Amino acid sequence: MPTLLKIFGLRFFFYSAEHEPVHIHVENADGMAKFDIQDGNVSLTSNDGLKPKDLKLAESIVEENKTIFEHEWIKYFGKEK
């Protein structure tokens, strides 16, 4: 389960047996959310317990790092989208 970033109590990661589309899981002590990254766009696909302020922070961090996260996904799985 590769961790890509830990910041402000949030951990950004993907599972080692993931599926497309490119997406990032985010978790903290309260819960977990998932964001898809497709065609340069970030969209929330699920939230299980993250508070609204943490969700907003997580989304802005994914948006800011989407190119890096997508690159790491492709590097790990060895394929282009």
PDB file of N, CA and C in Angstrom:
ATOM      1  N   MET A   1       0.846  -1.161   0.000  1.00  0.00           N
ATOM      2  CA  MET A   1       0.000   0.000   0.000  1.00  0.00           C
ATOM      3  C   MET A   1       0.904   1.240   0.000  1.00  0.00           C
ATOM      4  N   PRO A   2       1.288   1.718  -1.181  1.00  0.00           N
ATOM      5  CA  PRO A   2       2.205   2.854  -1.255  1.00  0.00           C
ATOM      6  C   PRO A   2       1.601   4.150  -0.705  1.00  0.00           C
ATOM      7  N   THR A   3       2.289   4.757   0.244  1.00  0.00           N
ATOM      8  CA  THR A   3       1.907   6.065   0.759  1.00  0.00           C
ATOM      9  C   THR A   3       2.643   7.116  -0.055  1.00  0.00           C
ATOM     10  N   LEU A   4       1.892   8.068  -0.595  1.00  0.00           N
ATOM     11  CA  LEU A   4       2.478   9.104  -1.433  1.00  0.00           C
ATOM     12  C   LEU A   4       2.795  10.371  -0.660  1.00  0.00           C
ATOM     13  N   LEU A   5       2.006  10.643   0.389  1.00  0.00           N
ATOM     14  CA  LEU A   5       2.185  11.886   1.117  1.00  0.00           C
ATOM     15  C   LEU A   5       1.485  11.791   2.464  1.00  0.00           C
ATOM     16  N   LYS A   6       2.104  12.361   3.474  1.00  0.00           N
ATOM     17  CA  LYS A   6       1.476  12.535   4.791  1.00  0.00           C
ATOM     18  C   LYS A   6       1.629  14.000   5.155  1.00  0.00           C
ATOM     19  N   ILE A   7       0.497  14.661   5.393  1.00  0.00           N
ATOM     20  CA  ILE A   7       0.524  16.080   5.712  1.00  0.00           C
ATOM     21  C   ILE A   7      -0.750  16.469   6.456  1.00  0.00           C
ATOM     22  N   PHE A   8      -0.630  17.309   7.463  1.00  0.00           N
ATOM     23  CA  PHE A   8      -1.773  17.803   8.243  1.00  0.00           C
ATOM     24  C   PHE A   8      -2.653  16.673   8.782  1.00  0.00           C
ATOM     25  N   GLY A   9      -2.041  15.565   9.147  1.00  0.00           N
ATOM     26  CA  GLY A   9      -2.792  14.439   9.689  1.00  0.00           C
ATOM     27  C   GLY A   9      -3.518  13.613   8.642  1.00  0.00           C
ATOM     28  N   LEU A  10      -3.277  13.885   7.374  1.00  0.00           N
ATOM     29  CA  LEU A  10      -3.895  13.141   6.270  1.00  0.00           C
ATOM     30  C   LEU A  10      -2.842  12.274   5.590  1.00  0.00           C
ATOM     31  N   ARG A  11      -3.228  11.062   5.245  1.00  0.00           N
ATOM     32  CA  ARG A  11      -2.334  10.162   4.507  1.00  0.00           C
ATOM     33  C   ARG A  11      -2.934   9.917   3.135  1.00  0.00           C
ATOM     34  N   PHE A  12      -2.156  10.133   2.092  1.00  0.00           N
ATOM     35  CA  PHE A  12      -2.581   9.968   0.700  1.00  0.00           C
ATOM     36  C   PHE A  12      -1.890   8.721   0.159  1.00  0.00           C
ATOM     37  N   PHE A  13      -2.662   7.792  -0.378  1.00  0.00           N
ATOM     38  CA  PHE A  13      -2.093   6.505  -0.786  1.00  0.00           C
ATOM     39  C   PHE A  13      -2.962   5.835  -1.838  1.00  0.00           C
ATOM     40  N   PHE A  14      -2.438   4.757  -2.406  1.00  0.00           N
ATOM     41  CA  PHE A  14      -3.256   3.842  -3.201  1.00  0.00           C
ATOM     42  C   PHE A  14      -2.890   2.424  -2.803  1.00  0.00           C
ATOM     43  N   TYR A  15      -3.783   1.508  -3.080  1.00  0.00           N
ATOM     44  CA  TYR A  15      -3.544   0.103  -2.755  1.00  0.00           C
ATOM     45  C   TYR A  15      -2.676  -0.535  -3.834  1.00  0.00           C
ATOM     46  N   SER A  16      -1.946  -1.567  -3.492  1.00  0.00           N
ATOM     47  CA  SER A  16      -1.026  -2.195  -4.440  1.00  0.00           C
ATOM     48  C   SER A  16      -1.730  -3.035  -5.494  1.00  0.00           C
ATOM     49  N   ALA A  17      -3.003  -3.285  -5.338  1.00  0.00           N
ATOM     50  CA  ALA A  17      -3.771  -4.033  -6.340  1.00  0.00           C
ATOM     51  C   ALA A  17      -4.937  -3.172  -6.824  1.00  0.00           C
ATOM     52  N   GLU A  18      -4.634  -1.958  -7.273  1.00  0.00           N
ATOM     53  CA  GLU A  18      -5.668  -1.003  -7.677  1.00  0.00           C
ATOM     54  C   GLU A  18      -6.178  -1.276  -9.080  1.00  0.00           C
ATOM     55  N   HIS A  19      -7.174  -0.547  -9.447  1.00  0.00           N
ATOM     56  CA  HIS A  19      -7.809  -0.606 -10.751  1.00  0.00           C
ATOM     57  C   HIS A  19      -7.949   0.812 -11.275  1.00  0.00           C
ATOM     58  N   GLU A  20      -8.112   0.943 -12.573  1.00  0.00           N
ATOM     59  CA  GLU A  20      -8.325   2.266 -13.151  1.00  0.00           C
ATOM     60  C   GLU A  20      -9.758   2.700 -12.899  1.00  0.00           C
ATOM     61  N   PRO A  21     -10.054   3.965 -12.935  1.00  0.00           N
ATOM     62  CA  PRO A  21      -9.183   5.076 -13.260  1.00  0.00           C
ATOM     63  C   PRO A  21      -8.227   5.403 -12.121  1.00  0.00           C
ATOM     64  N   VAL A  22      -7.231   6.236 -12.452  1.00  0.00           N
ATOM     65  CA  VAL A  22      -6.277   6.684 -11.433  1.00  0.00           C
ATOM     66  C   VAL A  22      -7.070   7.336 -10.312  1.00  0.00           C
ATOM     67  N   HIS A  23      -6.790   6.929  -9.092  1.00  0.00           N
ATOM     68  CA  HIS A  23      -7.455   7.528  -7.934  1.00  0.00           C
ATOM     69  C   HIS A  23      -6.551   7.429  -6.706  1.00  0.00           C
ATOM     70  N   ILE A  24      -6.853   8.283  -5.745  1.00  0.00           N
ATOM     71  CA  ILE A  24      -6.066   8.388  -4.527  1.00  0.00           C
ATOM     72  C   ILE A  24      -6.993   8.242  -3.333  1.00  0.00           C
ATOM     73  N   HIS A  25      -6.589   7.448  -2.379  1.00  0.00           N
ATOM     74  CA  HIS A  25      -7.314   7.329  -1.116  1.00  0.00           C
ATOM     75  C   HIS A  25      -6.675   8.287  -0.116  1.00  0.00           C
ATOM     76  N   VAL A  26      -7.505   8.860   0.730  1.00  0.00           N
ATOM     77  CA  VAL A  26      -7.043   9.777   1.768  1.00  0.00           C
ATOM     78  C   VAL A  26      -7.672   9.324   3.077  1.00  0.00           C
ATOM     79  N   GLU A  27      -6.847   9.236   4.123  1.00  0.00           N
ATOM     80  CA  GLU A  27      -7.413   8.844   5.406  1.00  0.00           C
ATOM     81  C   GLU A  27      -6.808   9.662   6.532  1.00  0.00           C
ATOM     82  N   ASN A  28      -7.602   9.774   7.590  1.00  0.00           N
ATOM     83  CA  ASN A  28      -7.125  10.306   8.858  1.00  0.00           C
ATOM     84  C   ASN A  28      -7.820   9.512   9.955  1.00  0.00           C
ATOM     85  N   ALA A  29      -7.744   9.959  11.188  1.00  0.00           N
ATOM     86  CA  ALA A  29      -8.327   9.212  12.302  1.00  0.00           C
ATOM     87  C   ALA A  29      -9.848   9.125  12.220  1.00  0.00           C
ATOM     88  N   ASP A  30     -10.478  10.041  11.481  1.00  0.00           N
ATOM     89  CA  ASP A  30     -11.941  10.067  11.393  1.00  0.00           C
ATOM     90  C   ASP A  30     -12.517   9.190  10.300  1.00  0.00           C
ATOM     91  N   GLY A  31     -11.765   8.969   9.226  1.00  0.00           N
ATOM     92  CA  GLY A  31     -12.330   8.200   8.123  1.00  0.00           C
ATOM     93  C   GLY A  31     -11.458   8.214   6.895  1.00  0.00           C
ATOM     94  N   MET A  32     -12.112   7.950   5.746  1.00  0.00           N
ATOM     95  CA  MET A  32     -11.398   7.803   4.486  1.00  0.00           C
ATOM     96  C   MET A  32     -12.240   8.368   3.351  1.00  0.00           C
ATOM     97  N   ALA A  33     -11.554   8.895   2.334  1.00  0.00           N
ATOM     98  CA  ALA A  33     -12.217   9.373   1.125  1.00  0.00           C
ATOM     99  C   ALA A  33     -11.407   8.899  -0.081  1.00  0.00           C
ATOM    100  N   LYS A  34     -12.028   9.001  -1.251  1.00  0.00           N
ATOM    101  CA  LYS A  34     -11.353   8.604  -2.487  1.00  0.00           C
ATOM    102  C   LYS A  34     -11.604   9.676  -3.542  1.00  0.00           C
ATOM    103  N   PHE A  35     -10.539  10.048  -4.250  1.00  0.00           N
ATOM    104  CA  PHE A  35     -10.612  11.038  -5.317  1.00  0.00           C
ATOM    105  C   PHE A  35     -10.101  10.420  -6.611  1.00  0.00           C
ATOM    106  N   ASP A  36     -10.878  10.547  -7.681  1.00  0.00           N
ATOM    107  CA  ASP A  36     -10.418  10.157  -9.012  1.00  0.00           C
ATOM    108  C   ASP A  36      -9.622  11.297  -9.612  1.00  0.00           C
ATOM    109  N   ILE A  37      -8.629  10.938 -10.434  1.00  0.00           N
ATOM    110  CA  ILE A  37      -7.866  11.913 -11.209  1.00  0.00           C
ATOM    111  C   ILE A  37      -7.975  11.470 -12.665  1.00  0.00           C
ATOM    112  N   GLN A  38      -8.769  12.218 -13.447  1.00  0.00           N
ATOM    113  CA  GLN A  38      -8.985  11.866 -14.847  1.00  0.00           C
ATOM    114  C   GLN A  38      -8.916  13.110 -15.710  1.00  0.00           C
ATOM    115  N   ASP A  39      -8.142  13.044 -16.769  1.00  0.00           N
ATOM    116  CA  ASP A  39      -8.037  14.142 -17.727  1.00  0.00           C
ATOM    117  C   ASP A  39      -7.741  15.472 -17.045  1.00  0.00           C
ATOM    118  N   GLY A  40      -6.881  15.440 -16.037  1.00  0.00           N
ATOM    119  CA  GLY A  40      -6.496  16.647 -15.338  1.00  0.00           C
ATOM    120  C   GLY A  40      -7.506  17.162 -14.333  1.00  0.00           C
ATOM    121  N   ASN A  41      -8.588  16.416 -14.134  1.00  0.00           N
ATOM    122  CA  ASN A  41      -9.632  16.819 -13.189  1.00  0.00           C
ATOM    123  C   ASN A  41      -9.628  15.918 -11.961  1.00  0.00           C
ATOM    124  N   VAL A  42      -9.908  16.509 -10.822  1.00  0.00           N
ATOM    125  CA  VAL A  42     -10.015  15.781  -9.557  1.00  0.00           C
ATOM    126  C   VAL A  42     -11.471  15.769  -9.143  1.00  0.00           C
ATOM    127  N   SER A  43     -11.984  14.585  -8.794  1.00  0.00           N
ATOM    128  CA  SER A  43     -13.374  14.513  -8.334  1.00  0.00           C
ATOM    129  C   SER A  43     -13.483  13.536  -7.166  1.00  0.00           C
ATOM    130  N   LEU A  44     -14.269  13.938  -6.189  1.00  0.00           N
ATOM    131  CA  LEU A  44     -14.537  13.096  -5.025  1.00  0.00           C
ATOM    132  C   LEU A  44     -15.472  11.967  -5.456  1.00  0.00           C
ATOM    133  N   THR A  45     -15.082  10.725  -5.160  1.00  0.00           N
ATOM    134  CA  THR A  45     -15.941   9.595  -5.515  1.00  0.00           C
ATOM    135  C   THR A  45     -16.545   8.908  -4.304  1.00  0.00           C
ATOM    136  N   SER A  46     -15.918   9.085  -3.133  1.00  0.00           N
ATOM    137  CA  SER A  46     -16.522   8.529  -1.920  1.00  0.00           C
ATOM    138  C   SER A  46     -15.939   9.214  -0.694  1.00  0.00           C
ATOM    139  N   ASN A  47     -16.752   9.245   0.354  1.00  0.00           N
ATOM    140  CA  ASN A  47     -16.304   9.777   1.637  1.00  0.00           C
ATOM    141  C   ASN A  47     -16.953   8.953   2.730  1.00  0.00           C
ATOM    142  N   ASP A  48     -16.143   8.424   3.608  1.00  0.00           N
ATOM    143  CA  ASP A  48     -16.642   7.642   4.732  1.00  0.00           C
ATOM    144  C   ASP A  48     -16.041   8.195   6.021  1.00  0.00           C
ATOM    145  N   GLY A  49     -16.582   9.324   6.480  1.00  0.00           N
ATOM    146  CA  GLY A  49     -16.212   9.826   7.785  1.00  0.00           C
ATOM    147  C   GLY A  49     -15.333  11.055   7.854  1.00  0.00           C
ATOM    148  N   LEU A  50     -14.703  11.464   6.735  1.00  0.00           N
ATOM    149  CA  LEU A  50     -13.892  12.674   6.815  1.00  0.00           C
ATOM    150  C   LEU A  50     -14.806  13.873   7.044  1.00  0.00           C
ATOM    151  N   LYS A  51     -14.405  14.742   7.953  1.00  0.00           N
ATOM    152  CA  LYS A  51     -15.174  15.951   8.243  1.00  0.00           C
ATOM    153  C   LYS A  51     -15.065  16.915   7.058  1.00  0.00           C
ATOM    154  N   PRO A  52     -16.071  17.767   6.858  1.00  0.00           N
ATOM    155  CA  PRO A  52     -16.052  18.684   5.713  1.00  0.00           C
ATOM    156  C   PRO A  52     -14.765  19.502   5.583  1.00  0.00           C
ATOM    157  N   LYS A  53     -14.225  20.006   6.696  1.00  0.00           N
ATOM    158  CA  LYS A  53     -12.986  20.799   6.598  1.00  0.00           C
ATOM    159  C   LYS A  53     -11.801  19.941   6.152  1.00  0.00           C
ATOM    160  N   ASP A  54     -11.755  18.695   6.628  1.00  0.00           N
ATOM    161  CA  ASP A  54     -10.672  17.794   6.214  1.00  0.00           C
ATOM    162  C   ASP A  54     -10.842  17.367   4.761  1.00  0.00           C
ATOM    163  N   LEU A  55     -12.074  17.174   4.350  1.00  0.00           N
ATOM    164  CA  LEU A  55     -12.364  16.796   2.970  1.00  0.00           C
ATOM    165  C   LEU A  55     -11.944  17.910   2.015  1.00  0.00           C
ATOM    166  N   LYS A  56     -12.259  19.143   2.379  1.00  0.00           N
ATOM    167  CA  LYS A  56     -11.872  20.295   1.557  1.00  0.00           C
ATOM    168  C   LYS A  56     -10.353  20.413   1.479  1.00  0.00           C
ATOM    169  N   LEU A  57      -9.676  20.231   2.608  1.00  0.00           N
ATOM    170  CA  LEU A  57      -8.220  20.274   2.637  1.00  0.00           C
ATOM    171  C   LEU A  57      -7.636  19.158   1.779  1.00  0.00           C
ATOM    172  N   ALA A  58      -8.167  17.946   1.924  1.00  0.00           N
ATOM    173  CA  ALA A  58      -7.684  16.801   1.143  1.00  0.00           C
ATOM    174  C   ALA A  58      -7.852  17.055  -0.347  1.00  0.00           C
ATOM    175  N   GLU A  59      -9.005  17.569  -0.732  1.00  0.00           N
ATOM    176  CA  GLU A  59      -9.247  17.835  -2.149  1.00  0.00           C
ATOM    177  C   GLU A  59      -8.258  18.863  -2.698  1.00  0.00           C
ATOM    178  N   SER A  60      -7.975  19.910  -1.924  1.00  0.00           N
ATOM    179  CA  SER A  60      -7.030  20.921  -2.399  1.00  0.00           C
ATOM    180  C   SER A  60      -5.618  20.344  -2.513  1.00  0.00           C
ATOM    181  N   ILE A  61      -5.253  19.438  -1.609  1.00  0.00           N
ATOM    182  CA  ILE A  61      -3.930  18.808  -1.678  1.00  0.00           C
ATOM    183  C   ILE A  61      -3.845  17.867  -2.881  1.00  0.00           C
ATOM    184  N   VAL A  62      -4.906  17.117  -3.137  1.00  0.00           N
ATOM    185  CA  VAL A  62      -4.919  16.244  -4.324  1.00  0.00           C
ATOM    186  C   VAL A  62      -4.827  17.100  -5.582  1.00  0.00           C
ATOM    187  N   GLU A  63      -5.594  18.177  -5.626  1.00  0.00           N
ATOM    188  CA  GLU A  63      -5.560  19.077  -6.786  1.00  0.00           C
ATOM    189  C   GLU A  63      -4.150  19.618  -7.007  1.00  0.00           C
ATOM    190  N   GLU A  64      -3.504  20.041  -5.948  1.00  0.00           N
ATOM    191  CA  GLU A  64      -2.158  20.614  -6.037  1.00  0.00           C
ATOM    192  C   GLU A  64      -1.110  19.586  -6.455  1.00  0.00           C
ATOM    193  N   ASN A  65      -1.337  18.316  -6.111  1.00  0.00           N
ATOM    194  CA  ASN A  65      -0.345  17.260  -6.362  1.00  0.00           C
ATOM    195  C   ASN A  65      -0.797  16.237  -7.390  1.00  0.00           C
ATOM    196  N   LYS A  66      -1.848  16.525  -8.140  1.00  0.00           N
ATOM    197  CA  LYS A  66      -2.426  15.522  -9.043  1.00  0.00           C
ATOM    198  C   LYS A  66      -1.431  15.002 -10.076  1.00  0.00           C
ATOM    199  N   THR A  67      -0.560  15.844 -10.580  1.00  0.00           N
ATOM    200  CA  THR A  67       0.420  15.401 -11.575  1.00  0.00           C
ATOM    201  C   THR A  67       1.400  14.409 -10.954  1.00  0.00           C
ATOM    202  N   ILE A  68       1.845  14.693  -9.760  1.00  0.00           N
ATOM    203  CA  ILE A  68       2.766  13.796  -9.052  1.00  0.00           C
ATOM    204  C   ILE A  68       2.071  12.483  -8.716  1.00  0.00           C
ATOM    205  N   PHE A  69       0.847  12.561  -8.189  1.00  0.00           N
ATOM    206  CA  PHE A  69       0.106  11.350  -7.826  1.00  0.00           C
ATOM    207  C   PHE A  69      -0.134  10.473  -9.050  1.00  0.00           C
ATOM    208  N   GLU A  70      -0.517  11.096 -10.165  1.00  0.00           N
ATOM    209  CA  GLU A  70      -0.760  10.336 -11.394  1.00  0.00           C
ATOM    210  C   GLU A  70       0.536   9.694 -11.889  1.00  0.00           C
ATOM    211  N   HIS A  71       1.631  10.432 -11.844  1.00  0.00           N
ATOM    212  CA  HIS A  71       2.933   9.897 -12.251  1.00  0.00           C
ATOM    213  C   HIS A  71       3.317   8.686 -11.390  1.00  0.00           C
ATOM    214  N   GLU A  72       3.141   8.803 -10.080  1.00  0.00           N
ATOM    215  CA  GLU A  72       3.484   7.708  -9.171  1.00  0.00           C
ATOM    216  C   GLU A  72       2.611   6.482  -9.437  1.00  0.00           C
ATOM    217  N   TRP A  73       1.340   6.686  -9.723  1.00  0.00           N
ATOM    218  CA  TRP A  73       0.418   5.595 -10.064  1.00  0.00           C
ATOM    219  C   TRP A  73       0.949   4.846 -11.290  1.00  0.00           C
ATOM    220  N   ILE A  74       1.249   5.610 -12.356  1.00  0.00           N
ATOM    221  CA  ILE A  74       1.711   5.003 -13.605  1.00  0.00           C
ATOM    222  C   ILE A  74       3.051   4.301 -13.393  1.00  0.00           C
ATOM    223  N   LYS A  75       3.932   4.919 -12.647  1.00  0.00           N
ATOM    224  CA  LYS A  75       5.233   4.300 -12.357  1.00  0.00           C
ATOM    225  C   LYS A  75       5.061   2.988 -11.590  1.00  0.00           C
ATOM    226  N   TYR A  76       4.168   2.977 -10.609  1.00  0.00           N
ATOM    227  CA  TYR A  76       3.973   1.780  -9.778  1.00  0.00           C
ATOM    228  C   TYR A  76       3.343   0.638 -10.574  1.00  0.00           C
ATOM    229  N   PHE A  77       2.310   0.964 -11.352  1.00  0.00           N
ATOM    230  CA  PHE A  77       1.596  -0.091 -12.071  1.00  0.00           C
ATOM    231  C   PHE A  77       2.196  -0.379 -13.446  1.00  0.00           C
ATOM    232  N   GLY A  78       3.144   0.450 -13.900  1.00  0.00           N
ATOM    233  CA  GLY A  78       3.853   0.188 -15.144  1.00  0.00           C
ATOM    234  C   GLY A  78       3.011   0.298 -16.380  1.00  0.00           C
ATOM    235  N   LYS A  79       2.035   1.214 -16.371  1.00  0.00           N
ATOM    236  CA  LYS A  79       1.225   1.377 -17.572  1.00  0.00           C
ATOM    237  C   LYS A  79       0.661   2.791 -17.622  1.00  0.00           C
ATOM    238  N   GLU A  80       0.391   3.205 -18.820  1.00  0.00           N
ATOM    239  CA  GLU A  80      -0.274   4.495 -19.025  1.00  0.00           C
ATOM    240  C   GLU A  80      -1.754   4.306 -18.828  1.00  0.00           C
ATOM    241  N   LYS A  81      -2.428   5.426 -18.576  1.00  0.00           N
ATOM    242  CA  LYS A  81      -3.881   5.365 -18.410  1.00  0.00           C
ATOM    243  C   LYS A  81      -4.515   4.938 -19.706  1.00  0.00           C
TER     244      LYS A  81
END
